[in-house]
PDB file of all heavy atoms in Angstrom:
ATOM      1  N   LEU A   1      20.014   9.404  -2.255  1.00  0.00           N
ATOM      2  CA  LEU A   1      18.733   9.879  -2.774  1.00  0.00           C
ATOM      3  C   LEU A   1      17.945   8.713  -3.382  1.00  0.00           C
ATOM      4  O   LEU A   1      16.737   8.580  -3.170  1.00  0.00           O
ATOM      5  CB  LEU A   1      18.972  10.960  -3.827  1.00  0.00           C
ATOM      6  CG  LEU A   1      17.723  11.516  -4.496  1.00  0.00           C
ATOM      7  CD1 LEU A   1      16.895  12.322  -3.498  1.00  0.00           C
ATOM      8  CD2 LEU A   1      18.105  12.380  -5.705  1.00  0.00           C
ATOM      9  N   LEU A   2      18.641   7.878  -4.159  1.00  0.00           N
ATOM     10  CA  LEU A   2      18.012   6.708  -4.780  1.00  0.00           C
ATOM     11  C   LEU A   2      18.842   5.481  -4.437  1.00  0.00           C
ATOM     12  O   LEU A   2      20.060   5.478  -4.619  1.00  0.00           O
ATOM     13  CB  LEU A   2      17.936   6.865  -6.299  1.00  0.00           C
ATOM     14  CG  LEU A   2      17.418   5.647  -7.078  1.00  0.00           C
ATOM     15  CD1 LEU A   2      15.925   5.434  -6.803  1.00  0.00           C
ATOM     16  CD2 LEU A   2      17.662   5.807  -8.573  1.00  0.00           C
ATOM     17  N   ARG A   3      18.184   4.448  -3.937  1.00  0.00           N
ATOM     18  CA  ARG A   3      18.853   3.190  -3.650  1.00  0.00           C
ATOM     19  C   ARG A   3      18.091   2.067  -4.358  1.00  0.00           C
ATOM     20  O   ARG A   3      16.944   1.779  -4.020  1.00  0.00           O
ATOM     21  CB  ARG A   3      18.912   2.918  -2.146  1.00  0.00           C
ATOM     22  CG  ARG A   3      19.724   1.673  -1.793  1.00  0.00           C
ATOM     23  CD  ARG A   3      19.927   1.504  -0.294  1.00  0.00           C
ATOM     24  NE  ARG A   3      18.694   1.157   0.398  1.00  0.00           N
ATOM     25  CZ  ARG A   3      18.059   1.951   1.240  1.00  0.00           C
ATOM     26  NH1 ARG A   3      18.526   3.167   1.499  1.00  0.00           N
ATOM     27  NH2 ARG A   3      16.944   1.552   1.838  1.00  0.00           N
ATOM     28  N   VAL A   4      18.720   1.488  -5.366  1.00  0.00           N
ATOM     29  CA  VAL A   4      18.130   0.382  -6.117  1.00  0.00           C
ATOM     30  C   VAL A   4      18.711  -0.913  -5.581  1.00  0.00           C
ATOM     31  O   VAL A   4      19.932  -1.061  -5.478  1.00  0.00           O
ATOM     32  CB  VAL A   4      18.437   0.523  -7.620  1.00  0.00           C
ATOM     33  CG1 VAL A   4      17.932  -0.681  -8.398  1.00  0.00           C
ATOM     34  CG2 VAL A   4      17.825   1.819  -8.163  1.00  0.00           C
ATOM     35  N   ARG A   5      17.841  -1.861  -5.246  1.00  0.00           N
ATOM     36  CA  ARG A   5      18.281  -3.141  -4.702  1.00  0.00           C
ATOM     37  C   ARG A   5      17.593  -4.289  -5.440  1.00  0.00           C
ATOM     38  O   ARG A   5      16.368  -4.379  -5.476  1.00  0.00           O
ATOM     39  CB  ARG A   5      17.954  -3.238  -3.193  1.00  0.00           C
ATOM     40  CG  ARG A   5      18.864  -2.421  -2.312  1.00  0.00           C
ATOM     41  CD  ARG A   5      20.263  -3.032  -2.220  1.00  0.00           C
ATOM     42  NE  ARG A   5      21.169  -2.199  -1.446  1.00  0.00           N
ATOM     43  CZ  ARG A   5      21.944  -1.251  -1.937  1.00  0.00           C
ATOM     44  NH1 ARG A   5      21.921  -1.003  -3.245  1.00  0.00           N
ATOM     45  NH2 ARG A   5      22.759  -0.551  -1.169  1.00  0.00           N
ATOM     46  N   ASP A   6      18.413  -5.140  -6.043  1.00  0.00           N
ATOM     47  CA  ASP A   6      17.946  -6.376  -6.681  1.00  0.00           C
ATOM     48  C   ASP A   6      16.802  -6.101  -7.658  1.00  0.00           C
ATOM     49  O   ASP A   6      15.783  -6.803  -7.670  1.00  0.00           O
ATOM     50  CB  ASP A   6      17.509  -7.386  -5.616  1.00  0.00           C
ATOM     51  CG  ASP A   6      17.456  -8.816  -6.160  1.00  0.00           C
ATOM     52  OD1 ASP A   6      18.227  -9.116  -7.089  1.00  0.00           O
ATOM     53  OD2 ASP A   6      16.632  -9.612  -5.657  1.00  0.00           O
ATOM     54  N   LEU A   7      16.987  -5.089  -8.514  1.00  0.00           N
ATOM     55  CA  LEU A   7      15.962  -4.751  -9.498  1.00  0.00           C
ATOM     56  C   LEU A   7      15.931  -5.800 -10.609  1.00  0.00           C
ATOM     57  O   LEU A   7      16.940  -6.074 -11.258  1.00  0.00           O
ATOM     58  CB  LEU A   7      16.246  -3.371 -10.101  1.00  0.00           C
ATOM     59  CG  LEU A   7      15.351  -2.952 -11.279  1.00  0.00           C
ATOM     60  CD1 LEU A   7      13.891  -2.870 -10.849  1.00  0.00           C
ATOM     61  CD2 LEU A   7      15.822  -1.630 -11.873  1.00  0.00           C
ATOM     62  N   ARG A   8      14.764  -6.377 -10.776  1.00  0.00           N
ATOM     63  CA  ARG A   8      14.553  -7.361 -11.837  1.00  0.00           C
ATOM     64  C   ARG A   8      13.337  -6.939 -12.654  1.00  0.00           C
ATOM     65  O   ARG A   8      12.224  -6.856 -12.122  1.00  0.00           O
ATOM     66  CB  ARG A   8      14.333  -8.766 -11.249  1.00  0.00           C
ATOM     67  CG  ARG A   8      15.519  -9.273 -10.439  1.00  0.00           C
ATOM     68  CD  ARG A   8      15.250 -10.619  -9.788  1.00  0.00           C
ATOM     69  NE  ARG A   8      16.339 -10.970  -8.877  1.00  0.00           N
ATOM     70  CZ  ARG A   8      17.453 -11.601  -9.248  1.00  0.00           C
ATOM     71  NH1 ARG A   8      17.600 -11.962 -10.502  1.00  0.00           N
ATOM     72  NH2 ARG A   8      18.397 -11.863  -8.367  1.00  0.00           N
ATOM     73  N   THR A   9      13.566  -6.672 -13.932  1.00  0.00           N
ATOM     74  CA  THR A   9      12.486  -6.305 -14.837  1.00  0.00           C
ATOM     75  C   THR A   9      12.476  -7.300 -15.984  1.00  0.00           C
ATOM     76  O   THR A   9      13.427  -7.359 -16.774  1.00  0.00           O
ATOM     77  CB  THR A   9      12.662  -4.874 -15.372  1.00  0.00           C
ATOM     78  OG1 THR A   9      12.748  -3.962 -14.270  1.00  0.00           O
ATOM     79  CG2 THR A   9      11.484  -4.480 -16.239  1.00  0.00           C
ATOM     80  N   TYR A  10      11.413  -8.101 -16.062  1.00  0.00           N
ATOM     81  CA  TYR A  10      11.327  -9.178 -17.036  1.00  0.00           C
ATOM     82  C   TYR A  10      10.189  -8.903 -18.017  1.00  0.00           C
ATOM     83  O   TYR A  10       9.169  -8.292 -17.672  1.00  0.00           O
ATOM     84  CB  TYR A  10      11.062 -10.520 -16.341  1.00  0.00           C
ATOM     85  CG  TYR A  10      12.176 -11.013 -15.433  1.00  0.00           C
ATOM     86  CD1 TYR A  10      11.966 -12.119 -14.614  1.00  0.00           C
ATOM     87  CD2 TYR A  10      13.419 -10.383 -15.386  1.00  0.00           C
ATOM     88  CE1 TYR A  10      12.970 -12.599 -13.783  1.00  0.00           C
ATOM     89  CE2 TYR A  10      14.425 -10.849 -14.556  1.00  0.00           C
ATOM     90  CZ  TYR A  10      14.196 -11.949 -13.750  1.00  0.00           C
ATOM     91  OH  TYR A  10      15.193 -12.417 -12.919  1.00  0.00           O
ATOM     92  N   PHE A  11      10.375  -9.395 -19.245  1.00  0.00           N
ATOM     93  CA  PHE A  11       9.355  -9.288 -20.281  1.00  0.00           C
ATOM     94  C   PHE A  11       8.914 -10.704 -20.653  1.00  0.00           C
ATOM     95  O   PHE A  11       9.735 -11.549 -21.019  1.00  0.00           O
ATOM     96  CB  PHE A  11       9.895  -8.549 -21.510  1.00  0.00           C
ATOM     97  CG  PHE A  11      10.134  -7.090 -21.264  1.00  0.00           C
ATOM     98  CD1 PHE A  11      11.284  -6.660 -20.608  1.00  0.00           C
ATOM     99  CD2 PHE A  11       9.204  -6.145 -21.666  1.00  0.00           C
ATOM    100  CE1 PHE A  11      11.501  -5.316 -20.369  1.00  0.00           C
ATOM    101  CE2 PHE A  11       9.414  -4.790 -21.424  1.00  0.00           C
ATOM    102  CZ  PHE A  11      10.567  -4.374 -20.770  1.00  0.00           C
ATOM    103  N   TYR A  12       7.623 -10.940 -20.561  1.00  0.00           N
ATOM    104  CA  TYR A  12       7.068 -12.266 -20.793  1.00  0.00           C
ATOM    105  C   TYR A  12       6.568 -12.338 -22.235  1.00  0.00           C
ATOM    106  O   TYR A  12       5.521 -11.786 -22.576  1.00  0.00           O
ATOM    107  CB  TYR A  12       5.962 -12.557 -19.783  1.00  0.00           C
ATOM    108  CG  TYR A  12       6.516 -12.686 -18.381  1.00  0.00           C
ATOM    109  CD1 TYR A  12       6.815 -11.560 -17.613  1.00  0.00           C
ATOM    110  CD2 TYR A  12       6.799 -13.939 -17.850  1.00  0.00           C
ATOM    111  CE1 TYR A  12       7.369 -11.672 -16.345  1.00  0.00           C
ATOM    112  CE2 TYR A  12       7.348 -14.067 -16.579  1.00  0.00           C
ATOM    113  CZ  TYR A  12       7.637 -12.925 -15.837  1.00  0.00           C
ATOM    114  OH  TYR A  12       8.189 -13.052 -14.580  1.00  0.00           O
ATOM    115  N   THR A  13       7.354 -12.990 -23.092  1.00  0.00           N
ATOM    116  CA  THR A  13       7.090 -13.018 -24.521  1.00  0.00           C
ATOM    117  C   THR A  13       6.805 -14.441 -24.987  1.00  0.00           C
ATOM    118  O   THR A  13       6.977 -15.418 -24.248  1.00  0.00           O
ATOM    119  CB  THR A  13       8.308 -12.477 -25.298  1.00  0.00           C
ATOM    120  OG1 THR A  13       9.379 -13.446 -25.236  1.00  0.00           O
ATOM    121  CG2 THR A  13       8.799 -11.164 -24.699  1.00  0.00           C
ATOM    122  N   GLU A  14       6.408 -14.562 -26.259  1.00  0.00           N
ATOM    123  CA  GLU A  14       6.155 -15.879 -26.842  1.00  0.00           C
ATOM    124  C   GLU A  14       7.430 -16.711 -26.918  1.00  0.00           C
ATOM    125  O   GLU A  14       7.373 -17.949 -26.951  1.00  0.00           O
ATOM    126  CB  GLU A  14       5.560 -15.722 -28.244  1.00  0.00           C
ATOM    127  CG  GLU A  14       4.173 -15.100 -28.255  1.00  0.00           C
ATOM    128  CD  GLU A  14       3.637 -14.949 -29.654  1.00  0.00           C
ATOM    129  OE1 GLU A  14       4.390 -15.247 -30.616  1.00  0.00           O
ATOM    130  OE2 GLU A  14       2.466 -14.547 -29.801  1.00  0.00           O
ATOM    131  N   ASN A  15       8.572 -16.034 -26.961  1.00  0.00           N
ATOM    132  CA  ASN A  15       9.852 -16.738 -27.068  1.00  0.00           C
ATOM    133  C   ASN A  15      10.465 -17.048 -25.706  1.00  0.00           C
ATOM    134  O   ASN A  15      11.600 -17.533 -25.631  1.00  0.00           O
ATOM    135  CB  ASN A  15      10.842 -15.909 -27.890  1.00  0.00           C
ATOM    136  CG  ASN A  15      10.378 -15.705 -29.317  1.00  0.00           C
ATOM    137  OD1 ASN A  15       9.823 -16.615 -29.922  1.00  0.00           O
ATOM    138  ND2 ASN A  15      10.595 -14.513 -29.842  1.00  0.00           N
ATOM    139  N   GLY A  16       9.726 -16.752 -24.643  1.00  0.00           N
ATOM    140  CA  GLY A  16      10.234 -17.011 -23.308  1.00  0.00           C
ATOM    141  C   GLY A  16      10.335 -15.734 -22.488  1.00  0.00           C
ATOM    142  O   GLY A  16       9.934 -14.655 -22.928  1.00  0.00           O
ATOM    143  N   VAL A  17      10.879 -15.855 -21.299  1.00  0.00           N
ATOM    144  CA  VAL A  17      11.023 -14.711 -20.397  1.00  0.00           C
ATOM    145  C   VAL A  17      12.333 -13.996 -20.698  1.00  0.00           C
ATOM    146  O   VAL A  17      13.419 -14.580 -20.582  1.00  0.00           O
ATOM    147  CB  VAL A  17      10.993 -15.160 -18.923  1.00  0.00           C
ATOM    148  CG1 VAL A  17      11.151 -13.956 -18.006  1.00  0.00           C
ATOM    149  CG2 VAL A  17       9.705 -15.904 -18.616  1.00  0.00           C
ATOM    150  N   ALA A  18      12.223 -12.739 -21.107  1.00  0.00           N
ATOM    151  CA  ALA A  18      13.410 -11.917 -21.383  1.00  0.00           C
ATOM    152  C   ALA A  18      13.788 -11.176 -20.103  1.00  0.00           C
ATOM    153  O   ALA A  18      13.073 -10.266 -19.677  1.00  0.00           O
ATOM    154  CB  ALA A  18      13.128 -10.939 -22.511  1.00  0.00           C
ATOM    155  N   ARG A  19      14.903 -11.567 -19.501  1.00  0.00           N
ATOM    156  CA  ARG A  19      15.337 -10.957 -18.241  1.00  0.00           C
ATOM    157  C   ARG A  19      16.172  -9.721 -18.561  1.00  0.00           C
ATOM    158  O   ARG A  19      17.395  -9.715 -18.448  1.00  0.00           O
ATOM    159  CB  ARG A  19      16.109 -11.974 -17.410  1.00  0.00           C
ATOM    160  CG  ARG A  19      15.249 -13.141 -16.923  1.00  0.00           C
ATOM    161  CD  ARG A  19      16.069 -14.170 -16.173  1.00  0.00           C
ATOM    162  NE  ARG A  19      16.951 -14.926 -17.063  1.00  0.00           N
ATOM    163  CZ  ARG A  19      18.050 -15.564 -16.663  1.00  0.00           C
ATOM    164  NH1 ARG A  19      18.418 -15.519 -15.394  1.00  0.00           N
ATOM    165  NH2 ARG A  19      18.775 -16.229 -17.531  1.00  0.00           N
ATOM    166  N   ALA A  20      15.492  -8.646 -18.972  1.00  0.00           N
ATOM    167  CA  ALA A  20      16.178  -7.450 -19.465  1.00  0.00           C
ATOM    168  C   ALA A  20      17.057  -6.808 -18.402  1.00  0.00           C
ATOM    169  O   ALA A  20      18.180  -6.378 -18.674  1.00  0.00           O
ATOM    170  CB  ALA A  20      15.144  -6.439 -19.974  1.00  0.00           C
ATOM    171  N   VAL A  21      16.540  -6.708 -17.188  1.00  0.00           N
ATOM    172  CA  VAL A  21      17.321  -6.239 -16.036  1.00  0.00           C
ATOM    173  C   VAL A  21      17.219  -7.335 -14.992  1.00  0.00           C
ATOM    174  O   VAL A  21      16.124  -7.702 -14.573  1.00  0.00           O
ATOM    175  CB  VAL A  21      16.779  -4.900 -15.497  1.00  0.00           C
ATOM    176  CG1 VAL A  21      17.534  -4.476 -14.250  1.00  0.00           C
ATOM    177  CG2 VAL A  21      16.884  -3.811 -16.567  1.00  0.00           C
ATOM    178  N   ASP A  22      18.364  -7.844 -14.565  1.00  0.00           N
ATOM    179  CA  ASP A  22      18.361  -9.119 -13.844  1.00  0.00           C
ATOM    180  C   ASP A  22      19.122  -9.048 -12.524  1.00  0.00           C
ATOM    181  O   ASP A  22      20.192  -9.637 -12.374  1.00  0.00           O
ATOM    182  CB  ASP A  22      18.955 -10.199 -14.754  1.00  0.00           C
ATOM    183  CG  ASP A  22      18.608 -11.609 -14.296  1.00  0.00           C
ATOM    184  OD1 ASP A  22      17.652 -11.760 -13.515  1.00  0.00           O
ATOM    185  OD2 ASP A  22      19.295 -12.545 -14.723  1.00  0.00           O
ATOM    186  N   GLY A  23      18.570  -8.266 -11.582  1.00  0.00           N
ATOM    187  CA  GLY A  23      19.131  -8.252 -10.233  1.00  0.00           C
ATOM    188  C   GLY A  23      20.218  -7.227 -10.011  1.00  0.00           C
ATOM    189  O   GLY A  23      21.253  -7.544  -9.418  1.00  0.00           O
ATOM    190  N   ILE A  24      20.003  -5.987 -10.457  1.00  0.00           N
ATOM    191  CA  ILE A  24      21.040  -4.965 -10.296  1.00  0.00           C
ATOM    192  C   ILE A  24      20.789  -4.136  -9.038  1.00  0.00           C
ATOM    193  O   ILE A  24      19.648  -3.955  -8.598  1.00  0.00           O
ATOM    194  CB  ILE A  24      21.148  -4.033 -11.525  1.00  0.00           C
ATOM    195  CG1 ILE A  24      19.912  -3.128 -11.662  1.00  0.00           C
ATOM    196  CG2 ILE A  24      21.341  -4.848 -12.800  1.00  0.00           C
ATOM    197  CD1 ILE A  24      20.086  -2.031 -12.689  1.00  0.00           C
ATOM    198  N   SER A  25      21.871  -3.630  -8.458  1.00  0.00           N
ATOM    199  CA  SER A  25      21.810  -2.781  -7.263  1.00  0.00           C
ATOM    200  C   SER A  25      22.800  -1.638  -7.428  1.00  0.00           C
ATOM    201  O   SER A  25      23.938  -1.852  -7.849  1.00  0.00           O
ATOM    202  CB  SER A  25      22.155  -3.581  -6.005  1.00  0.00           C
ATOM    203  OG  SER A  25      21.252  -4.652  -5.807  1.00  0.00           O
TER     204      SER A  25
END
């Protein structure tokens, strides 16, 4: 029903890029 592939969700902050979700499948 749901297929997640290489999900990357990043937050671009003053302290740098927060790779909160980093390539999950």
